[in-house]
Amino acid sequence: MNFTSNQPIYTQIIEQVKDRIIRGDYPPGYQLPSRRQLAQEWKVNPNTVQKAFKEMEDLAIIVTPPNRPSIVTTDQVCLRQLKNEALVHSLQALCYLVRDLDMDLETVIDQLRQKYQVNKEEIKHVTDSKPK
């Protein structure tokens, strides 16, 4: 994982895990690697990973049963909230870009519809071509 210097590493780890949950790489109930494994993989201090996990537990993004590995929450309300937060963040960034480009909102909406349809068709094509 590549970290930037303008944000604490533990918050970047949280954002990375959230992103993987939202994309489905870490589905509900997914058993996360141990904190030590992740610290080695990401080349960070285990205490940094521990701090990120503690924060994610406090946010109910992950659950750590006693003497068991941490897992991604299965709470659908929490998962919908994560997705909604990601959408709001992306829309805010898009609004700033549209404003900076001085583009007409209707043009942006039309292009968004077109891109969404193309993406939807690409996903369907990939899904349909997978072996069953």
N, C-alpha and C. Protein backbone atom coordinates (compact mmCIF):
# COMPACT_ATOMS: atom_id res chain seq x y z
N MET A 1 0.85 -1.16 0.00
CA MET A 1 0.00 0.00 0.00
C MET A 1 0.90 1.23 0.00
N ASN A 2 0.55 2.20 -0.82
CA ASN A 2 1.31 3.44 -0.87
C ASN A 2 0.63 4.47 0.01
N PHE A 3 1.37 5.01 0.95
CA PHE A 3 0.81 5.99 1.86
C PHE A 3 1.28 7.38 1.47
N THR A 4 0.41 8.37 1.72
CA THR A 4 0.78 9.76 1.49
C THR A 4 1.17 10.37 2.83
N SER A 5 1.85 11.47 2.78
CA SER A 5 2.35 12.06 4.02
C SER A 5 1.39 13.08 4.62
N ASN A 6 0.31 13.41 3.92
CA ASN A 6 -0.57 14.47 4.42
C ASN A 6 -1.71 13.96 5.30
N GLN A 7 -1.72 12.68 5.60
CA GLN A 7 -2.78 12.09 6.41
C GLN A 7 -2.17 10.97 7.26
N PRO A 8 -2.59 10.82 8.51
CA PRO A 8 -2.03 9.75 9.34
C PRO A 8 -2.21 8.38 8.68
N ILE A 9 -1.21 7.53 8.84
CA ILE A 9 -1.25 6.21 8.19
C ILE A 9 -2.44 5.39 8.67
N TYR A 10 -2.77 5.46 9.95
CA TYR A 10 -3.89 4.64 10.43
C TYR A 10 -5.20 5.05 9.76
N THR A 11 -5.39 6.35 9.47
CA THR A 11 -6.62 6.76 8.78
C THR A 11 -6.61 6.32 7.32
N GLN A 12 -5.41 6.26 6.73
CA GLN A 12 -5.31 5.76 5.35
C GLN A 12 -5.64 4.26 5.30
N ILE A 13 -5.24 3.53 6.34
CA ILE A 13 -5.56 2.10 6.42
C ILE A 13 -7.08 1.93 6.53
N ILE A 14 -7.71 2.74 7.37
CA ILE A 14 -9.16 2.68 7.51
C ILE A 14 -9.84 2.94 6.17
N GLU A 15 -9.40 3.96 5.47
CA GLU A 15 -10.00 4.29 4.17
C GLU A 15 -9.80 3.16 3.16
N GLN A 16 -8.63 2.54 3.20
CA GLN A 16 -8.34 1.43 2.30
C GLN A 16 -9.27 0.24 2.58
N VAL A 17 -9.45 -0.08 3.85
CA VAL A 17 -10.33 -1.19 4.22
C VAL A 17 -11.77 -0.86 3.84
N LYS A 18 -12.21 0.37 4.13
CA LYS A 18 -13.56 0.78 3.73
C LYS A 18 -13.75 0.63 2.23
N ASP A 19 -12.76 1.07 1.46
CA ASP A 19 -12.84 0.98 0.01
C ASP A 19 -12.96 -0.48 -0.45
N ARG A 20 -12.20 -1.36 0.17
CA ARG A 20 -12.26 -2.78 -0.19
C ARG A 20 -13.61 -3.38 0.19
N ILE A 21 -14.20 -2.92 1.28
CA ILE A 21 -15.53 -3.38 1.67
C ILE A 21 -16.56 -2.91 0.65
N ILE A 22 -16.50 -1.64 0.30
CA ILE A 22 -17.46 -1.05 -0.63
C ILE A 22 -17.37 -1.73 -2.00
N ARG A 23 -16.16 -2.01 -2.47
CA ARG A 23 -15.97 -2.65 -3.78
C ARG A 23 -16.34 -4.13 -3.76
N GLY A 24 -16.46 -4.71 -2.56
CA GLY A 24 -16.79 -6.12 -2.46
C GLY A 24 -15.59 -7.03 -2.35
N ASP A 25 -14.39 -6.46 -2.29
CA ASP A 25 -13.20 -7.28 -2.10
C ASP A 25 -13.21 -7.93 -0.72
N TYR A 26 -13.78 -7.21 0.25
CA TYR A 26 -13.96 -7.71 1.61
C TYR A 26 -15.47 -7.78 1.86
N PRO A 27 -16.12 -8.88 1.51
CA PRO A 27 -17.57 -8.97 1.68
C PRO A 27 -17.97 -9.10 3.15
N PRO A 28 -19.26 -8.91 3.45
CA PRO A 28 -19.72 -9.06 4.84
C PRO A 28 -19.31 -10.42 5.40
N GLY A 29 -18.77 -10.41 6.62
CA GLY A 29 -18.33 -11.64 7.26
C GLY A 29 -16.92 -12.08 6.87
N TYR A 30 -16.28 -11.36 5.97
CA TYR A 30 -14.93 -11.71 5.51
C TYR A 30 -13.94 -11.64 6.68
N GLN A 31 -13.15 -12.67 6.82
CA GLN A 31 -12.13 -12.71 7.88
C GLN A 31 -10.90 -11.94 7.41
N LEU A 32 -10.59 -10.88 8.13
CA LEU A 32 -9.43 -10.06 7.79
C LEU A 32 -8.14 -10.75 8.22
N PRO A 33 -7.06 -10.48 7.51
CA PRO A 33 -5.76 -11.00 7.96
C PRO A 33 -5.44 -10.42 9.35
N SER A 34 -4.54 -11.07 10.04
CA SER A 34 -4.18 -10.58 11.38
C SER A 34 -3.52 -9.21 11.27
N ARG A 35 -3.55 -8.51 12.36
CA ARG A 35 -2.93 -7.18 12.41
C ARG A 35 -1.44 -7.28 12.09
N ARG A 36 -0.79 -8.32 12.61
CA ARG A 36 0.64 -8.51 12.37
C ARG A 36 0.91 -8.78 10.88
N GLN A 37 0.07 -9.62 10.27
CA GLN A 37 0.23 -9.90 8.83
C GLN A 37 0.09 -8.62 8.01
N LEU A 38 -0.94 -7.84 8.33
CA LEU A 38 -1.15 -6.59 7.59
C LEU A 38 -0.02 -5.60 7.81
N ALA A 39 0.49 -5.55 9.03
CA ALA A 39 1.62 -4.65 9.32
C ALA A 39 2.83 -5.02 8.47
N GLN A 40 3.09 -6.32 8.35
CA GLN A 40 4.20 -6.77 7.52
C GLN A 40 3.94 -6.47 6.05
N GLU A 41 2.73 -6.78 5.59
CA GLU A 41 2.37 -6.56 4.18
C GLU A 41 2.47 -5.08 3.82
N TRP A 42 1.98 -4.21 4.70
CA TRP A 42 1.95 -2.78 4.42
C TRP A 42 3.20 -2.05 4.90
N LYS A 43 4.10 -2.79 5.56
CA LYS A 43 5.35 -2.23 6.04
C LYS A 43 5.12 -1.04 6.98
N VAL A 44 4.26 -1.29 7.97
CA VAL A 44 3.97 -0.28 8.99
C VAL A 44 4.10 -0.93 10.36
N ASN A 45 4.13 -0.11 11.38
CA ASN A 45 4.20 -0.59 12.74
C ASN A 45 2.90 -1.32 13.10
N PRO A 46 2.99 -2.48 13.76
CA PRO A 46 1.76 -3.20 14.17
C PRO A 46 0.83 -2.34 15.03
N ASN A 47 1.39 -1.42 15.82
CA ASN A 47 0.55 -0.54 16.63
C ASN A 47 -0.32 0.38 15.76
N THR A 48 0.19 0.74 14.58
CA THR A 48 -0.58 1.57 13.65
C THR A 48 -1.78 0.79 13.13
N VAL A 49 -1.55 -0.46 12.78
CA VAL A 49 -2.65 -1.31 12.31
C VAL A 49 -3.64 -1.53 13.45
N GLN A 50 -3.13 -1.76 14.65
CA GLN A 50 -3.99 -1.94 15.81
C GLN A 50 -4.88 -0.71 16.02
N LYS A 51 -4.31 0.46 15.89
CA LYS A 51 -5.06 1.70 16.06
C LYS A 51 -6.17 1.80 15.00
N ALA A 52 -5.85 1.44 13.77
CA ALA A 52 -6.85 1.46 12.69
C ALA A 52 -7.97 0.47 12.98
N PHE A 53 -7.61 -0.74 13.41
CA PHE A 53 -8.62 -1.77 13.72
C PHE A 53 -9.51 -1.31 14.87
N LYS A 54 -8.92 -0.71 15.89
CA LYS A 54 -9.69 -0.24 17.04
C LYS A 54 -10.71 0.80 16.58
N GLU A 55 -10.28 1.71 15.75
CA GLU A 55 -11.18 2.74 15.22
C GLU A 55 -12.29 2.11 14.39
N MET A 56 -11.95 1.13 13.55
CA MET A 56 -12.97 0.47 12.73
C MET A 56 -13.95 -0.32 13.61
N GLU A 57 -13.46 -0.89 14.71
CA GLU A 57 -14.35 -1.57 15.66
C GLU A 57 -15.29 -0.56 16.29
N ASP A 58 -14.77 0.60 16.68
CA ASP A 58 -15.59 1.64 17.28
C ASP A 58 -16.66 2.14 16.30
N LEU A 59 -16.33 2.13 15.02
CA LEU A 59 -17.28 2.56 13.98
C LEU A 59 -18.20 1.41 13.54
N ALA A 60 -17.98 0.21 14.10
CA ALA A 60 -18.77 -0.99 13.79
C ALA A 60 -18.58 -1.47 12.35
N ILE A 61 -17.44 -1.10 11.74
CA ILE A 61 -17.12 -1.56 10.39
C ILE A 61 -16.61 -2.99 10.43
N ILE A 62 -15.87 -3.29 11.49
CA ILE A 62 -15.40 -4.65 11.71
C ILE A 62 -15.80 -5.10 13.11
N VAL A 63 -15.82 -6.40 13.28
CA VAL A 63 -16.17 -7.00 14.57
C VAL A 63 -15.05 -7.96 14.93
N THR A 64 -14.63 -7.92 16.19
CA THR A 64 -13.60 -8.83 16.66
C THR A 64 -14.13 -9.59 17.87
N PRO A 65 -14.66 -10.80 17.62
CA PRO A 65 -15.12 -11.61 18.75
C PRO A 65 -13.93 -12.01 19.63
N PRO A 66 -14.18 -12.29 20.91
CA PRO A 66 -13.08 -12.69 21.79
C PRO A 66 -12.33 -13.92 21.24
N ASN A 67 -11.01 -13.81 21.22
CA ASN A 67 -10.12 -14.90 20.78
C ASN A 67 -10.40 -15.38 19.36
N ARG A 68 -10.89 -14.48 18.52
CA ARG A 68 -11.18 -14.82 17.12
C ARG A 68 -10.62 -13.72 16.22
N PRO A 69 -10.41 -14.03 14.96
CA PRO A 69 -9.96 -12.99 14.02
C PRO A 69 -11.07 -11.95 13.78
N SER A 70 -10.67 -10.78 13.37
CA SER A 70 -11.62 -9.72 13.02
C SER A 70 -12.31 -10.06 11.71
N ILE A 71 -13.59 -9.69 11.63
CA ILE A 71 -14.36 -9.90 10.40
C ILE A 71 -15.06 -8.60 10.02
N VAL A 72 -15.39 -8.50 8.75
CA VAL A 72 -16.16 -7.36 8.26
C VAL A 72 -17.58 -7.50 8.79
N THR A 73 -18.16 -6.39 9.20
CA THR A 73 -19.51 -6.42 9.73
C THR A 73 -20.50 -7.03 8.73
N THR A 74 -21.53 -7.63 9.26
CA THR A 74 -22.64 -8.12 8.42
C THR A 74 -23.86 -7.22 8.59
N ASP A 75 -23.70 -6.15 9.36
CA ASP A 75 -24.78 -5.20 9.60
C ASP A 75 -25.07 -4.42 8.32
N GLN A 76 -26.21 -4.71 7.71
CA GLN A 76 -26.56 -4.08 6.43
C GLN A 76 -26.73 -2.57 6.54
N VAL A 77 -27.20 -2.09 7.68
CA VAL A 77 -27.34 -0.64 7.87
C VAL A 77 -25.97 0.03 7.83
N CYS A 78 -25.01 -0.56 8.51
CA CYS A 78 -23.64 -0.03 8.52
C CYS A 78 -23.04 -0.07 7.11
N LEU A 79 -23.25 -1.18 6.40
CA LEU A 79 -22.70 -1.31 5.05
C LEU A 79 -23.33 -0.31 4.09
N ARG A 80 -24.64 -0.09 4.20
CA ARG A 80 -25.30 0.93 3.36
C ARG A 80 -24.76 2.31 3.68
N GLN A 81 -24.52 2.57 4.96
CA GLN A 81 -23.98 3.86 5.37
C GLN A 81 -22.59 4.09 4.77
N LEU A 82 -21.75 3.04 4.78
CA LEU A 82 -20.42 3.16 4.16
C LEU A 82 -20.53 3.51 2.69
N LYS A 83 -21.43 2.81 1.99
CA LYS A 83 -21.61 3.07 0.55
C LYS A 83 -22.15 4.47 0.33
N ASN A 84 -23.09 4.89 1.16
CA ASN A 84 -23.65 6.23 1.02
C ASN A 84 -22.59 7.30 1.25
N GLU A 85 -21.75 7.10 2.26
CA GLU A 85 -20.66 8.06 2.53
C GLU A 85 -19.72 8.15 1.33
N ALA A 86 -19.41 7.01 0.72
CA ALA A 86 -18.53 7.01 -0.45
C ALA A 86 -19.19 7.76 -1.61
N LEU A 87 -20.49 7.54 -1.79
CA LEU A 87 -21.21 8.23 -2.86
C LEU A 87 -21.22 9.73 -2.62
N VAL A 88 -21.52 10.15 -1.41
CA VAL A 88 -21.56 11.58 -1.08
C VAL A 88 -20.19 12.21 -1.32
N HIS A 89 -19.14 11.52 -0.90
CA HIS A 89 -17.77 12.03 -1.10
C HIS A 89 -17.47 12.18 -2.60
N SER A 90 -17.82 11.17 -3.38
CA SER A 90 -17.57 11.22 -4.83
C SER A 90 -18.39 12.31 -5.50
N LEU A 91 -19.64 12.47 -5.08
CA LEU A 91 -20.48 13.52 -5.66
C LEU A 91 -19.95 14.90 -5.32
N GLN A 92 -19.44 15.05 -4.11
CA GLN A 92 -18.86 16.34 -3.72
C GLN A 92 -17.66 16.67 -4.61
N ALA A 93 -16.81 15.67 -4.82
CA ALA A 93 -15.65 15.88 -5.70
C ALA A 93 -16.10 16.21 -7.12
N LEU A 94 -17.13 15.52 -7.59
CA LEU A 94 -17.66 15.79 -8.94
C LEU A 94 -18.22 17.21 -9.01
N CYS A 95 -18.91 17.65 -7.98
CA CYS A 95 -19.46 19.01 -7.97
C CYS A 95 -18.35 20.05 -8.07
N TYR A 96 -17.27 19.84 -7.33
CA TYR A 96 -16.14 20.77 -7.41
C TYR A 96 -15.56 20.79 -8.82
N LEU A 97 -15.42 19.62 -9.42
CA LEU A 97 -14.87 19.54 -10.77
C LEU A 97 -15.79 20.23 -11.77
N VAL A 98 -17.08 19.96 -11.69
CA VAL A 98 -18.05 20.58 -12.61
C VAL A 98 -18.00 22.10 -12.48
N ARG A 99 -17.94 22.57 -11.24
CA ARG A 99 -17.86 24.01 -11.01
C ARG A 99 -16.57 24.59 -11.62
N ASP A 100 -15.45 23.91 -11.39
CA ASP A 100 -14.17 24.40 -11.91
C ASP A 100 -14.13 24.39 -13.43
N LEU A 101 -14.81 23.41 -14.03
CA LEU A 101 -14.85 23.33 -15.49
C LEU A 101 -15.92 24.24 -16.09
N ASP A 102 -16.74 24.82 -15.22
CA ASP A 102 -17.84 25.70 -15.65
C ASP A 102 -18.72 25.00 -16.68
N MET A 103 -19.13 23.79 -16.32
CA MET A 103 -19.97 22.99 -17.23
C MET A 103 -21.43 23.10 -16.84
N ASP A 104 -22.28 22.92 -17.84
CA ASP A 104 -23.71 22.90 -17.64
C ASP A 104 -24.12 21.60 -16.95
N LEU A 105 -24.95 21.68 -15.93
CA LEU A 105 -25.36 20.51 -15.16
C LEU A 105 -26.04 19.46 -16.04
N GLU A 106 -26.86 19.88 -16.97
CA GLU A 106 -27.55 18.93 -17.86
C GLU A 106 -26.55 18.14 -18.72
N THR A 107 -25.50 18.78 -19.17
CA THR A 107 -24.46 18.09 -19.95
C THR A 107 -23.79 17.04 -19.08
N VAL A 108 -23.50 17.39 -17.86
CA VAL A 108 -22.85 16.45 -16.93
C VAL A 108 -23.76 15.27 -16.66
N ILE A 109 -25.04 15.53 -16.43
CA ILE A 109 -25.99 14.45 -16.16
C ILE A 109 -26.12 13.54 -17.37
N ASP A 110 -26.18 14.11 -18.56
CA ASP A 110 -26.26 13.29 -19.79
C ASP A 110 -25.02 12.41 -19.93
N GLN A 111 -23.84 12.97 -19.69
CA GLN A 111 -22.61 12.18 -19.79
C GLN A 111 -22.55 11.11 -18.71
N LEU A 112 -23.03 11.44 -17.52
CA LEU A 112 -23.08 10.46 -16.44
C LEU A 112 -23.98 9.28 -16.83
N ARG A 113 -25.15 9.58 -17.38
CA ARG A 113 -26.05 8.51 -17.84
C ARG A 113 -25.38 7.62 -18.88
N GLN A 114 -24.71 8.24 -19.84
CA GLN A 114 -24.04 7.48 -20.89
C GLN A 114 -22.94 6.59 -20.30
N LYS A 115 -22.10 7.15 -19.46
CA LYS A 115 -21.02 6.37 -18.85
C LYS A 115 -21.57 5.25 -17.98
N TYR A 116 -22.64 5.53 -17.26
CA TYR A 116 -23.25 4.52 -16.40
C TYR A 116 -23.76 3.36 -17.25
N GLN A 117 -24.41 3.66 -18.37
CA GLN A 117 -24.95 2.61 -19.24
C GLN A 117 -23.82 1.78 -19.84
N VAL A 118 -22.77 2.44 -20.30
CA VAL A 118 -21.62 1.71 -20.86
C VAL A 118 -21.02 0.81 -19.79
N ASN A 119 -20.83 1.34 -18.59
CA ASN A 119 -20.26 0.56 -17.49
C ASN A 119 -21.16 -0.63 -17.17
N LYS A 120 -22.45 -0.40 -17.11
CA LYS A 120 -23.41 -1.46 -16.81
C LYS A 120 -23.33 -2.58 -17.86
N GLU A 121 -23.20 -2.20 -19.12
CA GLU A 121 -23.09 -3.19 -20.20
C GLU A 121 -21.77 -3.95 -20.13
N GLU A 122 -20.68 -3.25 -19.79
CA GLU A 122 -19.38 -3.91 -19.65
C GLU A 122 -19.41 -4.94 -18.52
N ILE A 123 -20.02 -4.56 -17.40
CA ILE A 123 -20.13 -5.49 -16.26
C ILE A 123 -20.96 -6.70 -16.65
N LYS A 124 -22.07 -6.47 -17.34
CA LYS A 124 -22.93 -7.58 -17.78
C LYS A 124 -22.17 -8.50 -18.72
N HIS A 125 -21.39 -7.92 -19.63
CA HIS A 125 -20.61 -8.71 -20.58
C HIS A 125 -19.59 -9.58 -19.85
N VAL A 126 -18.89 -8.99 -18.89
CA VAL A 126 -17.88 -9.73 -18.12
C VAL A 126 -18.56 -10.84 -17.32
N THR A 127 -19.68 -10.52 -16.69
CA THR A 127 -20.41 -11.51 -15.88
C THR A 127 -20.93 -12.64 -16.76
N ASP A 128 -21.46 -12.30 -17.94
CA ASP A 128 -22.01 -13.32 -18.84
C ASP A 128 -20.93 -14.22 -19.43
N SER A 129 -19.70 -13.71 -19.55
CA SER A 129 -18.63 -14.49 -20.17
C SER A 129 -17.86 -15.35 -19.17
N LYS A 130 -18.17 -15.22 -17.88
CA LYS A 130 -17.48 -16.06 -16.87
C LYS A 130 -17.97 -17.49 -16.99
N PRO A 131 -17.05 -18.45 -16.83
CA PRO A 131 -17.47 -19.86 -16.87
C PRO A 131 -18.37 -20.18 -15.67
N LYS A 132 -19.31 -21.04 -15.93
CA LYS A 132 -20.26 -21.40 -14.86
C LYS A 132 -20.01 -22.77 -14.34
